[in-house]
Amino acid sequence: MNGFRSGEALLGDLTTGQLTRLCHVAGLSEADTAAYAGVLIESLGAAAGQPLALPPPSRTFLADDHSPVEFSLAFLPGRAPDLRVLVEPGCSSGDDLAENGRAGLRSIHAMADRWGFSTDQLDRIEDLFLPPSPEGPLALWCALELRPGGVPGVKVYLNPSANGAGRAAETVREALARLGHGQAFDSLPRAEGFPFFALDLGDWDAPRVKVYLKHPGLSAAEAGSLPRMTPAPGRERLEEFFRTVGDLPAGDLTDGEGADGEGADRLTGRPALTCHSFTETATGLPSGYTLHVPVRDYVRHDGEARERAVAVLRGNGMDSAALDRALAAVNPRPLGDGVGLIAYLALVHQRGRPQRVTVYVSSEAYETRPPRETVPTRDRVRARL
């Protein structure tokens, strides 16, 4: 149970309280904080007024306990972290994915009207991702990058398997082509699934189209070889990040086995993800690469997850004290009492911008998973990518 829950607390009360405290960690003004809390309430719709004593409004894939809200903090050296909130605006529709998607679209269009941005790119691909009878684990999610001034950056996340998992690659290829990235699909590395397709909407210096890939059984050596952007991020830094988060030994090849990855130590639980972002159409190559590791599957409890996050932040010259304040702002429980408060750690590279680290923090509105006794950290298996 979340440490801020009491009595007949409502989902909206809990999550806006978490958001308010996180805004203070991120250094946002009181006016901006109040404005963004209001946006979150509106995005949750009728679900905001639902007591937490009732089951979640939908069995959303957004969080392990089906909370329709997740937070993330993007760290850079020498400054407070940037705060984002991810929400499923159609969660009040229960498990009706079609209505969930329609409600999500209404929410995005309301934001467009409020903040004066175009939804043209989303409109071009709506039929691909929001068919009459969608399949898969989600319809539409919305992420808000909470900026000073009360106008967020808006990102939309869609499901490539909406027309069936077997058509996900075809859907992604067609969506990229419609958005002017006709060569982009062929630049993607091999993977075993397309969990998300995302768009930046509104005021962005270089709006991105982002393709997420799933990599079961990934090794550190493979994680360092997956970027297709130019200039490519340093392979050693990627491998070091992957090993630190997954608690893999330095130099993940053993017994003198080859660099093709056979015999490597690999993550065998929830798979790592990569994100390849496209901002220009001339070359067909991505301009960004992000490596996401689901740290919650590779620790016994959140104390261990926090230690790995701190190691990554300090190794990149970033403020780990802000992370501790953020975790306490979301749920002040002892970190050893559960696992999943820190969901993912990500290393982000974007052309022309400094490297950053993103920490994804679960709301835990409905449940805190108990700590586990053992961790399926790694296994010696043959390469599968």
Protein backbone atom coordinates (compact mmCIF):
# COMPACT_ATOMS: atom_id res chain seq x y z
CA MET A 1 0.00 0.00 0.00
CA ASN A 2 1.23 3.50 -0.80
CA GLY A 3 2.52 5.35 2.25
CA PHE A 4 0.37 8.40 1.43
CA ARG A 5 -2.89 6.43 1.26
CA SER A 6 -5.44 6.93 4.02
CA GLY A 7 -9.13 6.20 4.51
CA GLU A 8 -11.17 6.66 1.37
CA ALA A 9 -8.39 8.34 -0.64
CA LEU A 10 -9.16 8.89 -4.31
CA LEU A 11 -6.91 8.04 -7.24
CA GLY A 12 -6.80 11.69 -8.28
CA ASP A 13 -5.92 12.88 -4.78
CA LEU A 14 -3.07 10.41 -4.44
CA THR A 15 -1.50 10.99 -7.86
CA THR A 16 -1.81 14.77 -7.80
CA GLY A 17 -0.23 14.77 -4.34
CA GLN A 18 2.66 12.73 -5.70
CA LEU A 19 2.92 15.07 -8.70
CA THR A 20 2.90 18.17 -6.50
CA ARG A 21 5.76 16.90 -4.35
CA LEU A 22 7.73 15.83 -7.43
CA CYS A 23 7.26 19.28 -8.96
CA HIS A 24 9.00 20.69 -5.88
CA VAL A 25 11.90 18.28 -6.42
CA ALA A 26 12.11 19.46 -10.04
CA GLY A 27 12.08 23.13 -9.01
CA LEU A 28 8.79 24.08 -10.70
CA SER A 29 6.87 27.09 -9.43
CA GLU A 30 3.71 26.87 -7.34
CA ALA A 31 1.66 28.19 -10.27
CA ASP A 32 3.07 25.60 -12.68
CA THR A 33 2.59 22.86 -10.10
CA ALA A 34 -1.07 23.74 -9.61
CA ALA A 35 -1.64 23.91 -13.36
CA TYR A 36 -0.07 20.50 -13.98
CA ALA A 37 -2.00 18.90 -11.13
CA GLY A 38 -5.17 20.13 -12.81
CA VAL A 39 -4.08 18.68 -16.14
CA LEU A 40 -3.48 15.29 -14.52
CA ILE A 41 -6.94 15.30 -12.94
CA GLU A 42 -8.51 16.15 -16.30
CA SER A 43 -6.49 13.45 -18.06
CA LEU A 44 -7.67 10.77 -15.64
CA GLY A 45 -11.30 11.70 -16.27
CA ALA A 46 -13.85 9.88 -14.13
CA ALA A 47 -11.12 7.59 -12.76
CA ALA A 48 -9.73 10.53 -10.74
CA GLY A 49 -12.76 10.33 -8.43
CA GLN A 50 -12.55 6.58 -7.89
CA PRO A 51 -11.65 5.44 -4.35
CA LEU A 52 -8.42 3.51 -4.12
CA ALA A 53 -10.26 0.89 -2.08
CA LEU A 54 -11.89 -0.21 -5.36
CA PRO A 55 -10.00 -2.17 -8.04
CA PRO A 56 -8.04 -0.16 -10.65
CA PRO A 57 -10.30 1.40 -13.32
CA SER A 58 -8.66 -0.81 -15.96
CA ARG A 59 -6.03 -3.53 -16.06
CA THR A 60 -3.67 -1.10 -17.69
CA PHE A 61 -0.29 -2.32 -18.90
CA LEU A 62 1.21 1.03 -17.85
CA ALA A 63 2.19 -0.24 -14.37
CA ASP A 64 2.50 -3.61 -12.67
CA ASP A 65 -0.28 -2.78 -10.18
CA HIS A 66 -2.44 -1.28 -13.00
CA SER A 67 -2.01 2.30 -11.79
CA PRO A 68 -2.78 4.54 -14.81
CA VAL A 69 0.01 6.99 -13.85
CA GLU A 70 3.82 6.71 -13.88
CA PHE A 71 6.44 9.37 -13.25
CA SER A 72 9.93 9.78 -14.65
CA LEU A 73 12.84 12.08 -13.95
CA ALA A 74 15.45 12.94 -16.58
CA PHE A 75 18.83 13.77 -15.06
CA LEU A 76 21.59 15.95 -16.49
CA PRO A 77 24.76 17.12 -14.73
CA GLY A 78 24.54 20.28 -12.67
CA ARG A 79 20.78 20.84 -12.66
CA ALA A 80 17.52 19.66 -11.17
CA PRO A 81 15.91 16.75 -13.01
CA ASP A 82 13.20 17.31 -15.59
CA LEU A 83 9.88 15.77 -14.57
CA ARG A 84 7.52 13.82 -16.80
CA VAL A 85 4.20 12.10 -16.07
CA LEU A 86 2.78 9.27 -18.16
CA VAL A 87 -0.98 8.71 -18.02
CA GLU A 88 -3.55 6.48 -19.70
CA PRO A 89 -6.31 9.04 -20.35
CA GLY A 90 -8.81 6.37 -21.43
CA CYS A 91 -8.46 4.29 -18.27
CA SER A 92 -12.04 5.10 -17.18
CA SER A 93 -13.23 2.94 -20.09
CA GLY A 94 -12.20 -0.20 -18.25
CA ASP A 95 -10.84 -2.93 -20.49
CA ASP A 96 -12.71 -1.73 -23.61
CA LEU A 97 -9.65 -0.89 -25.75
CA ALA A 98 -11.68 0.74 -28.51
CA GLU A 99 -13.35 3.18 -26.12
CA ASN A 100 -10.08 3.61 -24.28
CA GLY A 101 -8.48 4.80 -27.51
CA ARG A 102 -11.36 7.13 -28.36
CA ALA A 103 -11.21 8.68 -24.90
CA GLY A 104 -7.45 9.05 -25.26
CA LEU A 105 -7.88 10.85 -28.58
CA ARG A 106 -10.42 13.22 -27.06
CA SER A 107 -7.95 14.04 -24.31
CA ILE A 108 -5.14 14.72 -26.81
CA HIS A 109 -7.37 16.96 -28.93
CA ALA A 110 -8.47 18.87 -25.83
CA MET A 111 -4.79 19.47 -25.02
CA ALA A 112 -4.19 20.61 -28.60
CA ASP A 113 -7.02 23.12 -28.31
CA ARG A 114 -5.75 24.37 -24.95
CA TRP A 115 -2.11 24.77 -25.94
CA GLY A 116 -2.52 25.50 -29.63
CA PHE A 117 -0.63 22.66 -31.26
CA SER A 118 -1.40 20.56 -34.30
CA THR A 119 -2.42 16.89 -34.24
CA ASP A 120 -1.81 16.44 -37.98
CA GLN A 121 0.83 13.73 -37.53
CA LEU A 122 -1.35 11.75 -35.18
CA ASP A 123 -4.32 12.14 -37.52
CA ARG A 124 -2.30 10.64 -40.39
CA ILE A 125 -1.73 7.36 -38.57
CA GLU A 126 -4.82 7.13 -36.35
CA ASP A 127 -6.40 4.33 -38.39
CA LEU A 128 -3.26 2.19 -38.10
CA PHE A 129 -3.17 2.23 -34.31
CA LEU A 130 -6.80 2.78 -33.31
CA PRO A 131 -8.85 0.36 -35.45
CA PRO A 132 -12.48 -0.50 -34.61
CA SER A 133 -11.50 -3.71 -32.78
CA PRO A 134 -7.98 -3.19 -31.44
CA GLU A 135 -5.82 -5.94 -29.97
CA GLY A 136 -2.90 -5.82 -27.56
CA PRO A 137 -2.14 -4.42 -24.13
CA LEU A 138 -2.84 -0.71 -24.71
CA ALA A 139 -4.59 1.80 -26.95
CA LEU A 140 -3.09 5.24 -26.22
CA TRP A 141 -0.91 6.72 -23.51
CA CYS A 142 0.08 10.36 -23.10
CA ALA A 143 3.30 11.63 -21.54
CA LEU A 144 3.70 15.23 -20.42
CA GLU A 145 7.12 16.82 -20.00
CA LEU A 146 6.42 19.37 -17.29
CA ARG A 147 8.20 22.59 -18.24
CA PRO A 148 8.36 26.00 -16.55
CA GLY A 149 5.55 28.20 -17.77
CA GLY A 150 2.68 25.73 -17.48
CA VAL A 151 2.78 24.41 -21.08
CA PRO A 152 4.12 20.85 -21.25
CA GLY A 153 5.71 18.95 -24.06
CA VAL A 154 3.23 16.30 -25.19
CA LYS A 155 4.09 12.78 -26.30
CA VAL A 156 1.66 10.12 -27.51
CA TYR A 157 2.36 6.38 -27.22
CA LEU A 158 0.54 3.92 -29.48
CA ASN A 159 0.35 0.14 -29.87
CA PRO A 160 1.92 -1.36 -33.03
CA SER A 161 0.08 -4.64 -32.36
CA ALA A 162 -3.36 -3.01 -32.52
CA ASN A 163 -4.12 -5.00 -35.69
CA GLY A 164 -2.47 -8.14 -34.34
CA ALA A 165 1.06 -8.90 -33.21
CA GLY A 166 1.80 -10.55 -36.55
CA ARG A 167 1.19 -7.22 -38.31
CA ALA A 168 3.16 -5.00 -35.92
CA ALA A 169 6.18 -4.65 -38.21
CA GLU A 170 3.93 -3.82 -41.17
CA THR A 171 2.10 -1.23 -39.07
CA VAL A 172 5.34 0.43 -37.96
CA ARG A 173 6.71 0.50 -41.51
CA GLU A 174 3.53 2.08 -42.86
CA ALA A 175 3.35 4.65 -40.05
CA LEU A 176 6.94 5.72 -40.63
CA ALA A 177 6.27 6.07 -44.36
CA ARG A 178 3.17 8.19 -43.82
CA LEU A 179 5.17 10.50 -41.55
CA GLY A 180 7.87 11.01 -44.18
CA HIS A 181 10.39 8.48 -42.83
CA GLY A 182 10.20 6.01 -45.70
CA GLN A 183 13.74 4.70 -45.20
CA ALA A 184 13.65 4.53 -41.42
CA PHE A 185 12.27 1.03 -40.93
CA ASP A 186 15.17 -0.60 -42.74
CA SER A 187 17.65 1.10 -40.40
CA LEU A 188 16.23 -0.58 -37.28
CA PRO A 189 18.20 -3.43 -35.67
CA ARG A 190 16.76 -6.90 -35.33
CA ALA A 191 14.40 -7.40 -32.41
CA GLU A 192 11.59 -9.62 -31.15
CA GLY A 193 8.75 -7.16 -30.98
CA PHE A 194 7.53 -3.59 -31.31
CA PRO A 195 6.00 -2.59 -27.95
CA PHE A 196 5.42 1.12 -28.66
CA PHE A 197 5.31 3.75 -31.40
CA ALA A 198 5.49 7.34 -30.15
CA LEU A 199 5.16 10.91 -31.43
CA ASP A 200 6.16 14.31 -30.06
CA LEU A 201 3.33 16.81 -30.46
CA GLY A 202 3.40 20.53 -29.79
CA ASP A 203 6.38 22.73 -29.00
CA TRP A 204 9.57 20.71 -29.49
CA ASP A 205 12.85 21.94 -30.98
CA ALA A 206 13.04 18.78 -33.10
CA PRO A 207 9.85 16.68 -32.84
CA ARG A 208 10.62 12.97 -32.79
CA VAL A 209 9.00 9.85 -34.16
CA LYS A 210 10.09 7.01 -31.89
CA VAL A 211 10.09 3.24 -32.43
CA TYR A 212 10.55 0.96 -29.42
CA LEU A 213 11.98 -2.53 -29.83
CA LYS A 214 11.97 -5.51 -27.45
CA HIS A 215 15.14 -7.57 -26.88
CA PRO A 216 14.67 -10.71 -24.75
CA GLY A 217 17.87 -12.27 -23.46
CA LEU A 218 20.00 -9.23 -24.27
CA SER A 219 23.70 -9.16 -23.33
CA ALA A 220 25.82 -6.09 -22.61
CA ALA A 221 27.82 -6.61 -25.81
CA GLU A 222 24.63 -6.66 -27.86
CA ALA A 223 23.22 -3.62 -26.06
CA GLY A 224 26.30 -1.69 -27.14
CA SER A 225 25.92 -2.80 -30.75
CA LEU A 226 22.26 -1.82 -31.30
CA PRO A 227 22.47 1.97 -31.95
CA ARG A 228 21.98 3.04 -35.55
CA MET A 229 22.25 6.79 -34.98
CA THR A 230 25.17 8.91 -36.15
CA PRO A 231 27.35 9.80 -34.46
CA ALA A 232 26.92 6.59 -32.47
CA PRO A 233 27.06 6.71 -28.67
CA GLY A 234 30.12 5.21 -27.04
CA ARG A 235 29.81 1.45 -26.91
CA GLU A 236 31.77 1.14 -23.67
CA ARG A 237 29.45 3.57 -21.87
CA LEU A 238 26.37 1.65 -23.01
CA GLU A 239 27.82 -1.68 -21.93
CA GLU A 240 28.85 -0.26 -18.55
CA PHE A 241 25.33 1.09 -17.97
CA PHE A 242 23.75 -2.23 -18.94
CA ARG A 243 26.06 -4.23 -16.68
CA THR A 244 25.54 -1.89 -13.73
CA VAL A 245 21.75 -1.93 -13.95
CA GLY A 246 21.53 -5.67 -14.60
CA ASP A 247 24.29 -6.56 -12.11
CA LEU A 248 26.24 -8.35 -14.83
CA PRO A 249 29.97 -9.01 -14.42
CA ALA A 250 32.45 -6.74 -16.14
CA GLY A 251 33.29 -8.19 -19.54
CA ASP A 252 30.17 -10.30 -19.98
CA LEU A 253 31.83 -12.97 -22.15
CA THR A 254 33.25 -15.87 -20.20
CA ASP A 255 35.31 -19.00 -20.79
CA GLY A 256 36.98 -17.33 -23.76
CA GLU A 257 33.89 -17.60 -25.92
CA GLY A 258 33.48 -15.44 -28.95
CA ALA A 259 32.29 -11.90 -29.41
CA ASP A 260 29.16 -13.09 -31.22
CA GLY A 261 27.50 -13.32 -27.81
CA GLU A 262 27.37 -17.09 -27.40
CA GLY A 263 27.97 -17.98 -23.77
CA ALA A 264 27.33 -14.39 -22.67
CA ASP A 265 25.59 -13.48 -19.43
CA ARG A 266 22.16 -12.19 -20.33
CA LEU A 267 19.09 -10.68 -18.71
CA THR A 268 16.50 -13.45 -18.67
CA GLY A 269 13.51 -11.80 -17.00
CA ARG A 270 11.49 -8.91 -18.41
CA PRO A 271 13.27 -7.87 -21.62
CA ALA A 272 15.30 -4.72 -22.18
CA LEU A 273 13.92 -2.20 -24.66
CA THR A 274 15.59 0.14 -27.10
CA CYS A 275 14.10 3.31 -28.54
CA HIS A 276 15.19 4.69 -31.92
CA SER A 277 14.06 8.26 -32.57
CA PHE A 278 13.85 9.97 -35.96
CA THR A 279 13.88 13.72 -36.51
CA GLU A 280 14.95 14.10 -40.14
CA THR A 281 14.01 12.26 -43.31
CA ALA A 282 17.05 12.66 -45.57
CA THR A 283 19.20 9.77 -44.37
CA GLY A 284 16.67 7.34 -42.91
CA LEU A 285 18.91 7.01 -39.85
CA PRO A 286 17.79 7.69 -36.29
CA SER A 287 19.04 10.74 -34.44
CA GLY A 288 18.53 9.20 -31.01
CA TYR A 289 19.02 5.95 -29.11
CA THR A 290 17.77 5.01 -25.66
CA LEU A 291 18.51 1.81 -23.77
CA HIS A 292 15.80 0.90 -21.20
CA VAL A 293 16.47 -1.76 -18.57
CA PRO A 294 13.57 -2.94 -16.35
CA VAL A 295 15.61 -2.84 -13.16
CA ARG A 296 12.65 -3.97 -11.03
CA ASP A 297 13.00 -7.48 -12.44
CA TYR A 298 16.69 -7.74 -11.53
CA VAL A 299 16.72 -6.70 -7.87
CA ARG A 300 15.38 -8.19 -4.65
CA HIS A 301 13.96 -4.87 -3.48
CA ASP A 302 13.98 -1.16 -4.23
CA GLY A 303 16.97 -0.54 -2.00
CA GLU A 304 19.07 -2.46 -4.53
CA ALA A 305 17.39 -0.64 -7.43
CA ARG A 306 18.20 2.67 -5.77
CA GLU A 307 21.85 1.65 -5.33
CA ARG A 308 22.16 0.85 -9.04
CA ALA A 309 20.44 4.10 -10.01
CA VAL A 310 22.79 6.06 -7.76
CA ALA A 311 25.82 4.30 -9.26
CA VAL A 312 24.66 5.23 -12.77
CA LEU A 313 23.87 8.84 -11.82
CA ARG A 314 27.14 9.44 -9.99
CA GLY A 315 29.07 7.74 -12.78
CA ASN A 316 27.63 10.33 -15.14
CA GLY A 317 28.17 13.32 -12.83
CA MET A 318 24.50 13.69 -11.86
CA ASP A 319 22.76 14.55 -8.58
CA SER A 320 21.61 11.37 -6.81
CA ALA A 321 20.19 13.33 -3.84
CA ALA A 322 17.34 14.48 -6.06
CA LEU A 323 16.45 10.83 -6.70
CA ASP A 324 16.10 10.15 -2.98
CA ARG A 325 13.81 13.17 -2.61
CA ALA A 326 11.74 11.97 -5.57
CA LEU A 327 11.31 8.46 -4.21
CA ALA A 328 10.18 9.82 -0.84
CA ALA A 329 7.79 12.18 -2.63
CA VAL A 330 6.03 9.29 -4.36
CA ASN A 331 6.02 6.74 -1.54
CA PRO A 332 7.91 7.19 1.76
CA ARG A 333 7.95 3.47 2.57
CA PRO A 334 11.29 1.80 3.41
CA LEU A 335 12.86 0.79 0.11
CA GLY A 336 13.57 -2.70 1.38
CA ASP A 337 9.85 -3.33 1.93
CA GLY A 338 8.96 -3.74 -1.75
CA VAL A 339 10.11 -3.93 -5.34
CA GLY A 340 8.90 -1.90 -8.31
CA LEU A 341 8.96 1.71 -7.11
CA ILE A 342 11.89 2.18 -9.50
CA ALA A 343 10.61 0.50 -12.66
CA TYR A 344 13.15 1.29 -15.41
CA LEU A 345 16.51 2.97 -15.76
CA ALA A 346 17.37 4.40 -19.17
CA LEU A 347 20.44 5.89 -20.81
CA VAL A 348 19.42 8.45 -23.42
CA HIS A 349 21.40 9.75 -26.39
CA GLN A 350 20.05 12.41 -28.74
CA ARG A 351 22.11 14.06 -31.45
CA GLY A 352 23.23 17.54 -30.43
CA ARG A 353 22.26 17.10 -26.77
CA PRO A 354 24.13 15.89 -23.71
CA GLN A 355 23.67 12.32 -22.55
CA ARG A 356 21.02 11.92 -19.84
CA VAL A 357 19.76 9.24 -17.47
CA THR A 358 16.04 8.71 -16.91
CA VAL A 359 14.59 7.03 -13.83
CA TYR A 360 11.00 5.74 -14.09
CA VAL A 361 9.08 5.78 -10.80
CA SER A 362 5.84 3.87 -10.23
CA SER A 363 2.90 5.50 -8.48
CA GLU A 364 2.13 2.24 -6.62
CA ALA A 365 -1.40 3.56 -6.15
CA TYR A 366 -2.88 0.10 -5.71
CA GLU A 367 -0.14 -2.24 -4.60
CA THR A 368 3.46 -2.50 -3.51
CA ARG A 369 4.92 -5.81 -4.62
CA PRO A 370 6.76 -7.62 -1.80
CA PRO A 371 10.52 -8.07 -2.06
CA ARG A 372 11.73 -11.27 -3.68
CA GLU A 373 14.24 -13.76 -2.29
CA THR A 374 16.07 -14.55 -5.51
CA VAL A 375 16.73 -12.66 -8.72
CA PRO A 376 16.82 -14.22 -12.24
CA THR A 377 19.60 -11.81 -13.16
CA ARG A 378 21.44 -13.68 -15.84
CA ASP A 379 21.80 -16.96 -17.62
CA ARG A 380 24.22 -18.42 -20.08
CA VAL A 381 22.18 -18.93 -23.21
CA ARG A 382 22.80 -18.77 -26.92
CA ALA A 383 22.32 -15.47 -28.68
CA ARG A 384 18.75 -14.97 -29.85
CA LEU A 385 18.92 -11.63 -31.59
